[in-house]
Amino acid sequence: MRVMVLVKATADSERGFVGSPEEKAMMEAMGRFNEELVNSGILLAADGLKPSSEGKRIAFDGPGRTVIDGPFAETRELVAGFWLWEVKDMAEAVAWVKRCPNPMPGPSEIEIRPLYEMADLELEAGA
């Protein structure tokens, strides 16, 4: 099963990477964790995202498109980074996330979401 593991943004991540000793230590710990994921064979992709101030959203309404410049409100709803993993089940994904170093200086959250697989779509289409 493939899962997207989303590191939720915080006020710290929205300030951007400034290279403080604390941030460098967190990045080193995360690098070691990523090496474990690679060595286990579950890591498919991973990356961090720049703050939403550098992003854009495109709002769709019928044929209309509106471009919205960042930063975006509701920091806790934003994503600061992600992994794409191939795991045997959700329990394995949860176990790996519990081993993850805290990705932020303070409180943070990581969300795990399963991806649709072709079999899921075939079942839904036949329903």
Protein backbone atom coordinates (compact mmCIF):
# COMPACT_ATOMS: atom_id res chain seq x y z
CA MET A 1 0.00 0.00 0.00
CA ARG A 2 1.26 3.46 -0.83
CA VAL A 3 0.80 6.30 1.65
CA MET A 4 1.51 10.01 1.55
CA VAL A 5 2.99 11.14 4.84
CA LEU A 6 2.40 14.87 5.29
CA VAL A 7 4.42 17.04 7.68
CA LYS A 8 2.03 19.78 8.72
CA ALA A 9 3.31 23.35 8.67
CA THR A 10 3.84 25.48 11.76
CA ALA A 11 4.66 29.13 12.32
CA ASP A 12 8.32 28.05 12.39
CA SER A 13 8.17 26.32 8.99
CA GLU A 14 6.29 29.26 7.51
CA ARG A 15 9.19 31.55 8.50
CA GLY A 16 11.44 29.47 6.26
CA PHE A 17 14.77 27.77 6.85
CA VAL A 18 17.25 30.18 8.41
CA GLY A 19 20.06 27.74 9.22
CA SER A 20 20.06 28.08 13.01
CA PRO A 21 21.99 25.43 14.98
CA GLU A 22 18.65 23.96 16.13
CA GLU A 23 17.39 23.71 12.54
CA LYS A 24 20.65 22.14 11.37
CA ALA A 25 20.44 19.53 14.15
CA MET A 26 16.82 18.75 13.18
CA MET A 27 17.83 18.39 9.51
CA GLU A 28 20.67 16.03 10.43
CA ALA A 29 18.30 13.89 12.54
CA MET A 30 15.78 13.87 9.69
CA GLY A 31 18.55 12.88 7.27
CA ARG A 32 19.38 9.87 9.44
CA PHE A 33 15.69 8.94 9.59
CA ASN A 34 15.43 9.22 5.80
CA GLU A 35 18.44 6.90 5.46
CA GLU A 36 16.57 4.34 7.58
CA LEU A 37 13.54 4.68 5.29
CA VAL A 38 15.73 4.16 2.21
CA ASN A 39 17.49 1.16 3.76
CA SER A 40 14.12 -0.39 4.67
CA GLY A 41 12.96 -0.07 1.05
CA ILE A 42 9.77 1.87 1.83
CA LEU A 43 10.80 5.39 0.75
CA LEU A 44 9.58 6.26 -2.75
CA ALA A 45 9.97 10.06 -2.59
CA ALA A 46 10.46 12.84 -0.05
CA ASP A 47 10.98 16.57 0.09
CA GLY A 48 10.43 19.72 2.09
CA LEU A 49 8.34 22.62 0.83
CA LYS A 50 9.24 26.28 0.97
CA PRO A 51 6.90 28.56 2.98
CA SER A 52 3.48 29.32 1.52
CA SER A 53 4.61 32.94 1.01
CA GLU A 54 6.47 31.59 -2.03
CA GLY A 55 3.47 29.62 -3.29
CA LYS A 56 0.38 30.21 -5.38
CA ARG A 57 -3.08 28.69 -5.38
CA ILE A 58 -5.34 28.49 -8.37
CA ALA A 59 -9.05 28.64 -7.54
CA PHE A 60 -11.41 26.95 -10.01
CA ASP A 61 -15.02 28.00 -10.53
CA GLY A 62 -16.47 26.48 -13.67
CA PRO A 63 -14.35 27.78 -16.54
CA GLY A 64 -12.85 30.59 -14.41
CA ARG A 65 -9.40 30.48 -12.84
CA THR A 66 -8.15 32.86 -10.15
CA VAL A 67 -4.52 32.95 -9.00
CA ILE A 68 -4.06 33.60 -5.28
CA ASP A 69 -0.63 34.59 -3.98
CA GLY A 70 0.70 33.21 -0.69
CA PRO A 71 1.13 33.36 2.20
CA PHE A 72 -1.97 31.42 3.07
CA ALA A 73 -3.96 31.61 6.30
CA GLU A 74 -4.56 28.65 8.62
CA THR A 75 -0.95 27.52 8.95
CA ARG A 76 -2.03 24.28 10.63
CA GLU A 77 -3.79 23.28 7.39
CA LEU A 78 -0.66 23.75 5.27
CA VAL A 79 1.97 21.14 4.41
CA ALA A 80 5.67 21.75 5.09
CA GLY A 81 6.99 18.52 3.59
CA PHE A 82 6.09 15.01 2.54
CA TRP A 83 7.18 11.43 2.06
CA LEU A 84 5.71 8.86 -0.29
CA TRP A 85 6.07 5.37 1.20
CA GLU A 86 5.29 1.83 0.13
CA VAL A 87 4.25 -0.07 3.29
CA LYS A 88 2.43 -3.32 3.95
CA ASP A 89 -0.38 -1.59 5.88
CA MET A 90 -1.35 1.52 7.84
CA ALA A 91 0.03 0.01 11.06
CA GLU A 92 3.51 -0.11 9.52
CA ALA A 93 3.22 3.53 8.42
CA VAL A 94 2.14 4.59 11.92
CA ALA A 95 5.06 2.69 13.44
CA TRP A 96 7.51 4.50 11.17
CA VAL A 97 6.03 7.93 11.91
CA LYS A 98 6.30 7.25 15.64
CA ARG A 99 10.06 6.74 15.10
CA CYS A 100 10.41 10.03 13.22
CA PRO A 101 12.27 12.88 14.91
CA ASN A 102 10.06 15.90 15.63
CA PRO A 103 10.20 17.83 12.34
CA MET A 104 9.64 21.20 14.04
CA PRO A 105 11.17 23.04 17.01
CA GLY A 106 7.88 22.86 18.95
CA PRO A 107 4.65 20.90 18.71
CA SER A 108 3.97 19.44 15.28
CA GLU A 109 1.78 16.93 13.46
CA ILE A 110 2.30 14.37 10.74
CA GLU A 111 -0.67 13.06 8.75
CA ILE A 112 -0.74 9.73 6.92
CA ARG A 113 -3.07 9.33 3.93
CA PRO A 114 -3.41 6.23 1.76
CA LEU A 115 -3.25 6.74 -2.00
CA TYR A 116 -5.87 5.35 -4.32
CA GLU A 117 -4.63 2.27 -6.13
CA MET A 118 -6.00 1.09 -9.48
CA ALA A 119 -7.94 -1.70 -7.74
CA ASP A 120 -9.72 0.91 -5.59
CA LEU A 121 -10.85 2.82 -8.66
CA GLU A 122 -12.02 -0.30 -10.47
CA LEU A 123 -14.15 -1.29 -7.48
CA GLU A 124 -15.70 2.16 -7.25
CA ALA A 125 -16.42 2.29 -10.98
CA GLY A 126 -18.20 -1.06 -10.81
CA ALA A 127 -20.35 -0.07 -7.83
